[in-house]
Amino acid sequence: MLPADDSLDELLTIGQAAERLGIATSALRFYEDKQLITSIRTAGGQRRFGRDVLRRVSFIRAAQQVGLPLREIAETIATLPPDRAPTKEEWEGFADRWRPRLDEQIHTLESIRDRLTQCIGCGCQTLASCAIFNPGDRAAAQGPGAQFLEASPVPNEAVEPA
């Protein structure tokens, strides 16, 4: 319900917020269901959003784009008052906490990129490549899935030709 001192003109409808953000209204409902954003309800039950939702959703989407899970984003947003977006100082704090994780992701992606022409972490692309990088399917002993895609180098025993 709207507080008596709030003007409907200062709040955004779900359609207005979605249009400003370039997302579907269902995304706003989803974020609200996950308690990442809040809305105020009119007497008729319609959602109204404060303008702070524009920055909050932009923050959420930026964090998602770099691969942070909603759980982690929600934990971060939970540290903020519910009626405002992060300040510059808070943004810097979030960035400092997330930087090591993002640097690790970047390193892993660079490692994958650099190995694509040789081997897809064994899942090899060709049997000829497999004979060079994973003779006798030695990677199978390390478990299922692509074993050499992590940022660490390919084990020596796996790269030596048979």
N, C-alpha and C. Protein backbone atom coordinates (compact mmCIF):
# COMPACT_ATOMS: atom_id res chain seq x y z
N MET A 1 0.84 -1.18 0.00
CA MET A 1 0.00 0.00 0.00
C MET A 1 0.89 1.25 0.00
N LEU A 2 0.46 2.27 -0.68
CA LEU A 2 1.23 3.51 -0.76
C LEU A 2 1.14 4.30 0.53
N PRO A 3 2.27 4.76 1.03
CA PRO A 3 2.23 5.68 2.17
C PRO A 3 1.53 6.97 1.75
N ALA A 4 0.89 7.66 2.71
CA ALA A 4 0.11 8.85 2.41
C ALA A 4 0.96 9.97 1.81
N ASP A 5 2.24 10.05 2.15
CA ASP A 5 3.05 11.17 1.68
C ASP A 5 3.72 10.91 0.33
N ASP A 6 3.55 9.72 -0.24
CA ASP A 6 4.15 9.43 -1.55
C ASP A 6 3.20 9.84 -2.67
N SER A 7 3.75 10.42 -3.69
CA SER A 7 2.98 10.80 -4.86
C SER A 7 3.16 9.73 -5.92
N LEU A 8 2.05 9.34 -6.54
CA LEU A 8 2.13 8.35 -7.61
C LEU A 8 3.01 8.84 -8.76
N ASP A 9 3.08 10.17 -8.93
CA ASP A 9 3.88 10.73 -10.02
C ASP A 9 5.38 10.49 -9.82
N GLU A 10 5.81 10.30 -8.59
CA GLU A 10 7.23 10.09 -8.31
C GLU A 10 7.63 8.61 -8.40
N LEU A 11 6.65 7.74 -8.50
CA LEU A 11 6.91 6.31 -8.58
C LEU A 11 6.70 5.82 -10.00
N LEU A 12 7.33 4.72 -10.32
CA LEU A 12 7.24 4.14 -11.66
C LEU A 12 6.29 2.94 -11.64
N THR A 13 5.47 2.83 -12.68
CA THR A 13 4.70 1.60 -12.85
C THR A 13 5.66 0.49 -13.26
N ILE A 14 5.22 -0.73 -13.22
CA ILE A 14 6.08 -1.83 -13.64
C ILE A 14 6.45 -1.69 -15.11
N GLY A 15 5.51 -1.22 -15.92
CA GLY A 15 5.80 -1.01 -17.34
C GLY A 15 6.82 0.09 -17.58
N GLN A 16 6.71 1.19 -16.83
CA GLN A 16 7.66 2.28 -16.96
C GLN A 16 9.06 1.84 -16.53
N ALA A 17 9.13 1.13 -15.42
CA ALA A 17 10.44 0.65 -14.94
C ALA A 17 11.05 -0.31 -15.95
N ALA A 18 10.25 -1.25 -16.45
CA ALA A 18 10.75 -2.22 -17.42
C ALA A 18 11.24 -1.53 -18.69
N GLU A 19 10.48 -0.54 -19.15
CA GLU A 19 10.89 0.19 -20.36
C GLU A 19 12.19 0.94 -20.13
N ARG A 20 12.32 1.61 -19.01
CA ARG A 20 13.55 2.35 -18.71
C ARG A 20 14.75 1.42 -18.63
N LEU A 21 14.53 0.21 -18.11
CA LEU A 21 15.62 -0.75 -17.94
C LEU A 21 15.87 -1.61 -19.18
N GLY A 22 14.93 -1.61 -20.11
CA GLY A 22 15.08 -2.43 -21.31
C GLY A 22 14.89 -3.91 -21.03
N ILE A 23 14.03 -4.24 -20.06
CA ILE A 23 13.77 -5.64 -19.72
C ILE A 23 12.27 -5.89 -19.70
N ALA A 24 11.89 -7.14 -19.61
CA ALA A 24 10.49 -7.51 -19.53
C ALA A 24 9.95 -7.28 -18.12
N THR A 25 8.65 -7.01 -18.04
CA THR A 25 8.03 -6.84 -16.73
C THR A 25 8.16 -8.12 -15.90
N SER A 26 8.19 -9.25 -16.56
CA SER A 26 8.34 -10.53 -15.84
C SER A 26 9.68 -10.59 -15.11
N ALA A 27 10.70 -9.94 -15.66
CA ALA A 27 12.00 -9.91 -14.99
C ALA A 27 11.90 -9.13 -13.68
N LEU A 28 11.17 -8.01 -13.70
CA LEU A 28 10.98 -7.25 -12.47
C LEU A 28 10.21 -8.05 -11.43
N ARG A 29 9.19 -8.76 -11.88
CA ARG A 29 8.43 -9.62 -10.95
C ARG A 29 9.34 -10.70 -10.37
N PHE A 30 10.19 -11.28 -11.22
CA PHE A 30 11.13 -12.31 -10.77
C PHE A 30 12.08 -11.76 -9.72
N TYR A 31 12.68 -10.60 -10.00
CA TYR A 31 13.60 -9.99 -9.03
C TYR A 31 12.88 -9.66 -7.72
N GLU A 32 11.63 -9.24 -7.83
CA GLU A 32 10.87 -8.96 -6.61
C GLU A 32 10.57 -10.25 -5.85
N ASP A 33 10.21 -11.30 -6.56
CA ASP A 33 9.97 -12.61 -5.92
C ASP A 33 11.21 -13.10 -5.19
N LYS A 34 12.39 -12.82 -5.75
CA LYS A 34 13.66 -13.23 -5.15
C LYS A 34 14.13 -12.23 -4.08
N GLN A 35 13.30 -11.22 -3.80
CA GLN A 35 13.57 -10.20 -2.79
C GLN A 35 14.84 -9.38 -3.10
N LEU A 36 15.10 -9.20 -4.39
CA LEU A 36 16.22 -8.36 -4.81
C LEU A 36 15.79 -6.91 -4.93
N ILE A 37 14.50 -6.70 -5.21
CA ILE A 37 13.92 -5.36 -5.28
C ILE A 37 12.58 -5.39 -4.55
N THR A 38 12.08 -4.21 -4.24
CA THR A 38 10.76 -4.12 -3.60
C THR A 38 9.89 -3.14 -4.36
N SER A 39 8.60 -3.32 -4.20
CA SER A 39 7.64 -2.39 -4.79
C SER A 39 6.63 -2.00 -3.71
N ILE A 40 5.91 -0.96 -4.01
CA ILE A 40 4.80 -0.52 -3.18
C ILE A 40 3.54 -0.85 -3.96
N ARG A 41 2.50 -1.26 -3.29
CA ARG A 41 1.25 -1.59 -3.97
C ARG A 41 0.23 -0.46 -3.81
N THR A 42 -0.47 -0.17 -4.91
CA THR A 42 -1.56 0.80 -4.85
C THR A 42 -2.76 0.13 -4.20
N ALA A 43 -3.79 0.91 -3.97
CA ALA A 43 -5.03 0.36 -3.40
C ALA A 43 -5.59 -0.73 -4.31
N GLY A 44 -5.34 -0.61 -5.61
CA GLY A 44 -5.80 -1.62 -6.56
C GLY A 44 -4.84 -2.79 -6.73
N GLY A 45 -3.75 -2.81 -5.98
CA GLY A 45 -2.80 -3.92 -6.04
C GLY A 45 -1.73 -3.79 -7.10
N GLN A 46 -1.68 -2.66 -7.80
CA GLN A 46 -0.66 -2.48 -8.83
C GLN A 46 0.68 -2.12 -8.19
N ARG A 47 1.74 -2.64 -8.81
CA ARG A 47 3.08 -2.36 -8.31
C ARG A 47 3.51 -0.95 -8.71
N ARG A 48 4.20 -0.29 -7.78
CA ARG A 48 4.86 0.97 -8.07
C ARG A 48 6.27 0.86 -7.50
N PHE A 49 7.23 1.34 -8.27
CA PHE A 49 8.64 1.24 -7.90
C PHE A 49 9.23 2.62 -7.69
N GLY A 50 10.04 2.75 -6.66
CA GLY A 50 10.83 3.95 -6.49
C GLY A 50 11.90 3.98 -7.56
N ARG A 51 12.41 5.16 -7.84
CA ARG A 51 13.43 5.29 -8.89
C ARG A 51 14.72 4.56 -8.57
N ASP A 52 14.95 4.27 -7.29
CA ASP A 52 16.14 3.51 -6.91
C ASP A 52 16.18 2.13 -7.55
N VAL A 53 15.00 1.63 -7.97
CA VAL A 53 14.96 0.30 -8.59
C VAL A 53 15.74 0.27 -9.90
N LEU A 54 15.84 1.42 -10.56
CA LEU A 54 16.58 1.47 -11.83
C LEU A 54 18.05 1.13 -11.61
N ARG A 55 18.65 1.71 -10.58
CA ARG A 55 20.06 1.42 -10.29
C ARG A 55 20.23 0.02 -9.72
N ARG A 56 19.29 -0.40 -8.87
CA ARG A 56 19.39 -1.74 -8.28
C ARG A 56 19.35 -2.82 -9.36
N VAL A 57 18.41 -2.69 -10.28
CA VAL A 57 18.29 -3.70 -11.34
C VAL A 57 19.50 -3.63 -12.26
N SER A 58 19.99 -2.45 -12.55
CA SER A 58 21.21 -2.34 -13.37
C SER A 58 22.37 -3.04 -12.68
N PHE A 59 22.48 -2.87 -11.38
CA PHE A 59 23.50 -3.54 -10.57
C PHE A 59 23.33 -5.06 -10.65
N ILE A 60 22.11 -5.53 -10.48
CA ILE A 60 21.82 -6.97 -10.53
C ILE A 60 22.22 -7.54 -11.89
N ARG A 61 21.81 -6.86 -12.95
CA ARG A 61 22.09 -7.37 -14.30
C ARG A 61 23.59 -7.33 -14.61
N ALA A 62 24.29 -6.31 -14.16
CA ALA A 62 25.74 -6.26 -14.37
C ALA A 62 26.41 -7.42 -13.64
N ALA A 63 25.99 -7.68 -12.42
CA ALA A 63 26.55 -8.79 -11.65
C ALA A 63 26.24 -10.13 -12.32
N GLN A 64 25.04 -10.28 -12.86
CA GLN A 64 24.70 -11.51 -13.58
C GLN A 64 25.55 -11.67 -14.84
N GLN A 65 25.79 -10.58 -15.53
CA GLN A 65 26.56 -10.65 -16.78
C GLN A 65 27.99 -11.11 -16.56
N VAL A 66 28.54 -10.87 -15.38
CA VAL A 66 29.89 -11.35 -15.11
C VAL A 66 29.87 -12.73 -14.45
N GLY A 67 28.69 -13.33 -14.37
CA GLY A 67 28.60 -14.71 -13.92
C GLY A 67 28.34 -14.92 -12.44
N LEU A 68 27.99 -13.87 -11.71
CA LEU A 68 27.70 -14.05 -10.30
C LEU A 68 26.29 -14.63 -10.13
N PRO A 69 26.15 -15.63 -9.28
CA PRO A 69 24.83 -16.24 -9.09
C PRO A 69 23.90 -15.33 -8.30
N LEU A 70 22.60 -15.48 -8.52
CA LEU A 70 21.63 -14.65 -7.82
C LEU A 70 21.76 -14.74 -6.31
N ARG A 71 22.13 -15.89 -5.80
CA ARG A 71 22.29 -16.06 -4.36
C ARG A 71 23.33 -15.07 -3.83
N GLU A 72 24.43 -14.99 -4.53
CA GLU A 72 25.51 -14.08 -4.12
C GLU A 72 25.11 -12.62 -4.30
N ILE A 73 24.39 -12.33 -5.37
CA ILE A 73 23.91 -10.98 -5.61
C ILE A 73 22.93 -10.59 -4.50
N ALA A 74 22.04 -11.51 -4.14
CA ALA A 74 21.06 -11.25 -3.09
C ALA A 74 21.73 -10.99 -1.75
N GLU A 75 22.78 -11.76 -1.45
CA GLU A 75 23.52 -11.54 -0.20
C GLU A 75 24.13 -10.14 -0.16
N THR A 76 24.62 -9.69 -1.29
CA THR A 76 25.21 -8.36 -1.37
C THR A 76 24.14 -7.28 -1.21
N ILE A 77 23.05 -7.43 -1.95
CA ILE A 77 21.98 -6.44 -1.89
C ILE A 77 21.35 -6.39 -0.51
N ALA A 78 21.33 -7.51 0.18
CA ALA A 78 20.74 -7.56 1.52
C ALA A 78 21.49 -6.66 2.51
N THR A 79 22.71 -6.28 2.18
CA THR A 79 23.48 -5.40 3.07
C THR A 79 23.08 -3.94 2.90
N LEU A 80 22.24 -3.65 1.92
CA LEU A 80 21.82 -2.27 1.65
C LEU A 80 20.44 -1.99 2.24
N PRO A 81 20.17 -0.74 2.57
CA PRO A 81 18.79 -0.39 2.91
C PRO A 81 17.88 -0.68 1.72
N PRO A 82 16.64 -1.08 1.95
CA PRO A 82 15.78 -1.52 0.84
C PRO A 82 15.30 -0.41 -0.08
N ASP A 83 15.52 0.85 0.27
CA ASP A 83 14.94 1.94 -0.50
C ASP A 83 15.93 2.79 -1.28
N ARG A 84 17.13 2.25 -1.50
CA ARG A 84 18.10 3.03 -2.28
C ARG A 84 19.09 2.11 -2.97
N ALA A 85 19.72 2.67 -3.98
CA ALA A 85 20.75 1.96 -4.73
C ALA A 85 22.09 2.10 -4.00
N PRO A 86 23.08 1.29 -4.36
CA PRO A 86 24.40 1.41 -3.73
C PRO A 86 25.04 2.77 -3.97
N THR A 87 25.76 3.26 -2.97
CA THR A 87 26.54 4.48 -3.12
C THR A 87 27.84 4.14 -3.85
N LYS A 88 28.59 5.16 -4.23
CA LYS A 88 29.87 4.94 -4.88
C LYS A 88 30.79 4.11 -3.99
N GLU A 89 30.82 4.42 -2.71
CA GLU A 89 31.68 3.69 -1.78
C GLU A 89 31.24 2.22 -1.66
N GLU A 90 29.94 2.00 -1.64
CA GLU A 90 29.44 0.62 -1.57
C GLU A 90 29.77 -0.15 -2.84
N TRP A 91 29.64 0.52 -4.01
CA TRP A 91 30.03 -0.11 -5.28
C TRP A 91 31.49 -0.55 -5.21
N GLU A 92 32.35 0.34 -4.71
CA GLU A 92 33.77 0.03 -4.62
C GLU A 92 34.01 -1.15 -3.70
N GLY A 93 33.28 -1.23 -2.60
CA GLY A 93 33.40 -2.36 -1.68
C GLY A 93 32.98 -3.67 -2.34
N PHE A 94 31.87 -3.63 -3.09
CA PHE A 94 31.43 -4.83 -3.80
C PHE A 94 32.48 -5.26 -4.81
N ALA A 95 33.01 -4.29 -5.55
CA ALA A 95 34.02 -4.59 -6.57
C ALA A 95 35.27 -5.20 -5.93
N ASP A 96 35.69 -4.64 -4.79
CA ASP A 96 36.87 -5.19 -4.10
C ASP A 96 36.64 -6.62 -3.66
N ARG A 97 35.45 -6.93 -3.16
CA ARG A 97 35.14 -8.30 -2.73
C ARG A 97 35.05 -9.27 -3.91
N TRP A 98 34.52 -8.79 -5.03
CA TRP A 98 34.31 -9.67 -6.19
C TRP A 98 35.53 -9.76 -7.10
N ARG A 99 36.45 -8.81 -7.01
CA ARG A 99 37.60 -8.77 -7.93
C ARG A 99 38.38 -10.08 -7.98
N PRO A 100 38.78 -10.69 -6.84
CA PRO A 100 39.56 -11.93 -6.94
C PRO A 100 38.80 -13.04 -7.68
N ARG A 101 37.53 -13.13 -7.42
CA ARG A 101 36.73 -14.16 -8.10
C ARG A 101 36.64 -13.87 -9.59
N LEU A 102 36.43 -12.64 -9.96
CA LEU A 102 36.35 -12.28 -11.37
C LEU A 102 37.70 -12.47 -12.06
N ASP A 103 38.78 -12.12 -11.38
CA ASP A 103 40.12 -12.34 -11.95
C ASP A 103 40.35 -13.83 -12.21
N GLU A 104 39.90 -14.68 -11.29
CA GLU A 104 40.03 -16.13 -11.48
C GLU A 104 39.21 -16.60 -12.68
N GLN A 105 37.99 -16.06 -12.83
CA GLN A 105 37.16 -16.42 -13.98
C GLN A 105 37.82 -15.98 -15.28
N ILE A 106 38.38 -14.78 -15.29
CA ILE A 106 39.07 -14.28 -16.48
C ILE A 106 40.24 -15.19 -16.83
N HIS A 107 41.02 -15.57 -15.82
CA HIS A 107 42.16 -16.44 -16.04
C HIS A 107 41.71 -17.79 -16.62
N THR A 108 40.63 -18.33 -16.08
CA THR A 108 40.11 -19.60 -16.58
C THR A 108 39.65 -19.47 -18.03
N LEU A 109 38.94 -18.39 -18.34
CA LEU A 109 38.47 -18.18 -19.72
C LEU A 109 39.64 -18.00 -20.68
N GLU A 110 40.66 -17.28 -20.26
CA GLU A 110 41.84 -17.12 -21.12
C GLU A 110 42.52 -18.47 -21.34
N SER A 111 42.58 -19.29 -20.32
CA SER A 111 43.18 -20.62 -20.45
C SER A 111 42.39 -21.48 -21.43
N ILE A 112 41.08 -21.42 -21.31
CA ILE A 112 40.23 -22.18 -22.25
C ILE A 112 40.45 -21.68 -23.67
N ARG A 113 40.43 -20.35 -23.84
CA ARG A 113 40.63 -19.77 -25.17
C ARG A 113 41.96 -20.22 -25.77
N ASP A 114 43.01 -20.21 -24.96
CA ASP A 114 44.34 -20.55 -25.46
C ASP A 114 44.49 -22.03 -25.77
N ARG A 115 43.65 -22.85 -25.21
CA ARG A 115 43.74 -24.30 -25.46
C ARG A 115 42.77 -24.81 -26.51
N LEU A 116 41.89 -23.97 -26.99
CA LEU A 116 40.87 -24.43 -27.93
C LEU A 116 41.47 -25.01 -29.21
N THR A 117 42.59 -24.50 -29.65
CA THR A 117 43.17 -25.00 -30.89
C THR A 117 43.90 -26.31 -30.69
N GLN A 118 44.17 -26.67 -29.43
CA GLN A 118 44.88 -27.92 -29.16
C GLN A 118 43.94 -29.02 -28.71
N CYS A 119 43.14 -28.70 -27.72
CA CYS A 119 42.33 -29.75 -27.11
C CYS A 119 41.25 -29.09 -26.28
N ILE A 120 40.09 -29.63 -26.29
CA ILE A 120 39.01 -29.15 -25.45
C ILE A 120 39.06 -29.92 -24.14
N GLY A 121 40.13 -29.76 -23.42
CA GLY A 121 40.24 -30.25 -22.06
C GLY A 121 40.06 -31.74 -21.90
N CYS A 122 40.05 -32.42 -22.92
CA CYS A 122 39.84 -33.85 -23.07
C CYS A 122 38.50 -34.25 -22.53
N GLY A 123 37.55 -34.09 -23.20
CA GLY A 123 36.95 -34.09 -24.47
C GLY A 123 37.72 -33.58 -25.64
N CYS A 124 38.51 -34.40 -26.28
CA CYS A 124 39.30 -33.98 -27.43
C CYS A 124 38.42 -33.78 -28.65
N GLN A 125 38.91 -32.90 -29.53
CA GLN A 125 38.18 -32.64 -30.76
C GLN A 125 38.46 -33.71 -31.81
N THR A 126 39.64 -34.30 -31.78
CA THR A 126 39.97 -35.33 -32.76
C THR A 126 40.73 -36.46 -32.08
N LEU A 127 40.70 -37.62 -32.66
CA LEU A 127 41.46 -38.74 -32.11
C LEU A 127 42.96 -38.50 -32.24
N ALA A 128 43.37 -37.79 -33.30
CA ALA A 128 44.80 -37.48 -33.46
C ALA A 128 45.27 -36.59 -32.32
N SER A 129 44.48 -35.61 -31.97
CA SER A 129 44.82 -34.73 -30.85
C SER A 129 44.83 -35.51 -29.54
N CYS A 130 43.89 -36.40 -29.39
CA CYS A 130 43.79 -37.18 -28.16
C CYS A 130 45.05 -38.02 -27.96
N ALA A 131 45.58 -38.55 -29.03
CA ALA A 131 46.79 -39.37 -28.92
C ALA A 131 47.98 -38.53 -28.45
N ILE A 132 47.97 -37.24 -28.72
CA ILE A 132 49.06 -36.37 -28.32
C ILE A 132 48.88 -35.88 -26.89
N PHE A 133 47.71 -35.39 -26.57
CA PHE A 133 47.49 -34.73 -25.28
C PHE A 133 46.94 -35.66 -24.20
N ASN A 134 46.35 -36.76 -24.60
CA ASN A 134 45.75 -37.65 -23.61
C ASN A 134 45.92 -39.11 -24.05
N PRO A 135 47.17 -39.54 -24.21
CA PRO A 135 47.39 -40.91 -24.69
C PRO A 135 46.81 -41.92 -23.71
N GLY A 136 46.17 -42.94 -24.29
CA GLY A 136 45.59 -43.99 -23.46
C GLY A 136 44.46 -43.49 -22.58
N ASP A 137 43.90 -42.34 -22.89
CA ASP A 137 42.80 -41.75 -22.13
C ASP A 137 43.14 -41.64 -20.65
N ARG A 138 44.36 -41.17 -20.34
CA ARG A 138 44.80 -41.02 -18.95
C ARG A 138 43.92 -40.06 -18.15
N ALA A 139 43.27 -39.10 -18.84
CA ALA A 139 42.43 -38.14 -18.12
C ALA A 139 41.21 -38.80 -17.50
N ALA A 140 40.84 -39.97 -17.97
CA ALA A 140 39.67 -40.66 -17.42
C ALA A 140 39.82 -40.93 -15.93
N ALA A 141 41.05 -41.16 -15.49
CA ALA A 141 41.29 -41.44 -14.07
C ALA A 141 40.98 -40.23 -13.19
N GLN A 142 40.94 -39.03 -13.78
CA GLN A 142 40.67 -37.81 -13.01
C GLN A 142 39.17 -37.55 -12.85
N GLY A 143 38.33 -38.35 -13.49
CA GLY A 143 36.89 -38.19 -13.35
C GLY A 143 36.24 -37.74 -14.64
N PRO A 144 34.92 -37.60 -14.60
CA PRO A 144 34.19 -37.25 -15.82
C PRO A 144 34.38 -35.78 -16.19
N GLY A 145 34.08 -35.48 -17.45
CA GLY A 145 34.12 -34.09 -17.91
C GLY A 145 35.48 -33.68 -18.41
N ALA A 146 35.52 -32.45 -18.87
CA ALA A 146 36.76 -31.88 -19.41
C ALA A 146 37.71 -31.59 -18.25
N GLN A 147 38.83 -32.26 -18.22
CA GLN A 147 39.75 -32.17 -17.09
C GLN A 147 40.82 -31.11 -17.23
N PHE A 148 41.12 -30.67 -18.44
CA PHE A 148 42.25 -29.78 -18.64
C PHE A 148 41.82 -28.34 -18.92
N LEU A 149 40.59 -27.98 -18.62
CA LEU A 149 40.12 -26.63 -18.90
C LEU A 149 40.39 -25.67 -17.76
N GLU A 150 40.69 -26.16 -16.61
CA GLU A 150 41.00 -25.28 -15.48
C GLU A 150 42.24 -24.47 -15.81
N ALA A 151 42.46 -23.43 -15.06
CA ALA A 151 43.56 -22.52 -15.33
C ALA A 151 44.93 -23.17 -15.11
N SER A 152 44.97 -24.26 -14.37
CA SER A 152 46.26 -24.92 -14.13
C SER A 152 46.73 -25.61 -15.41
N PRO A 153 48.02 -25.77 -15.56
CA PRO A 153 48.53 -26.37 -16.79
C PRO A 153 48.14 -27.84 -16.92
N VAL A 154 48.16 -28.31 -18.16
CA VAL A 154 47.87 -29.70 -18.44
C VAL A 154 48.94 -30.57 -17.77
N PRO A 155 48.55 -31.61 -17.02
CA PRO A 155 49.56 -32.46 -16.37
C PRO A 155 50.57 -33.01 -17.37
N ASN A 156 51.84 -33.06 -16.96
CA ASN A 156 52.90 -33.53 -17.86
C ASN A 156 52.66 -34.92 -18.37
N GLU A 157 52.19 -35.83 -17.49
CA GLU A 157 52.00 -37.19 -17.96
C GLU A 157 50.92 -37.29 -19.01
N ALA A 158 50.03 -36.29 -19.07
CA ALA A 158 48.98 -36.32 -20.07
C ALA A 158 49.44 -35.74 -21.40
N VAL A 159 50.48 -34.91 -21.40
CA VAL A 159 50.90 -34.27 -22.66
C VAL A 159 52.07 -34.95 -23.33
N GLU A 160 52.76 -35.84 -22.63
CA GLU A 160 53.90 -36.52 -23.25
C GLU A 160 53.38 -37.57 -24.24
N PRO A 161 53.90 -37.58 -25.45
CA PRO A 161 53.47 -38.59 -26.42
C PRO A 161 53.82 -39.99 -25.93
N ALA A 162 52.97 -40.92 -26.30
CA ALA A 162 53.18 -42.32 -25.90
C ALA A 162 54.28 -42.97 -26.68
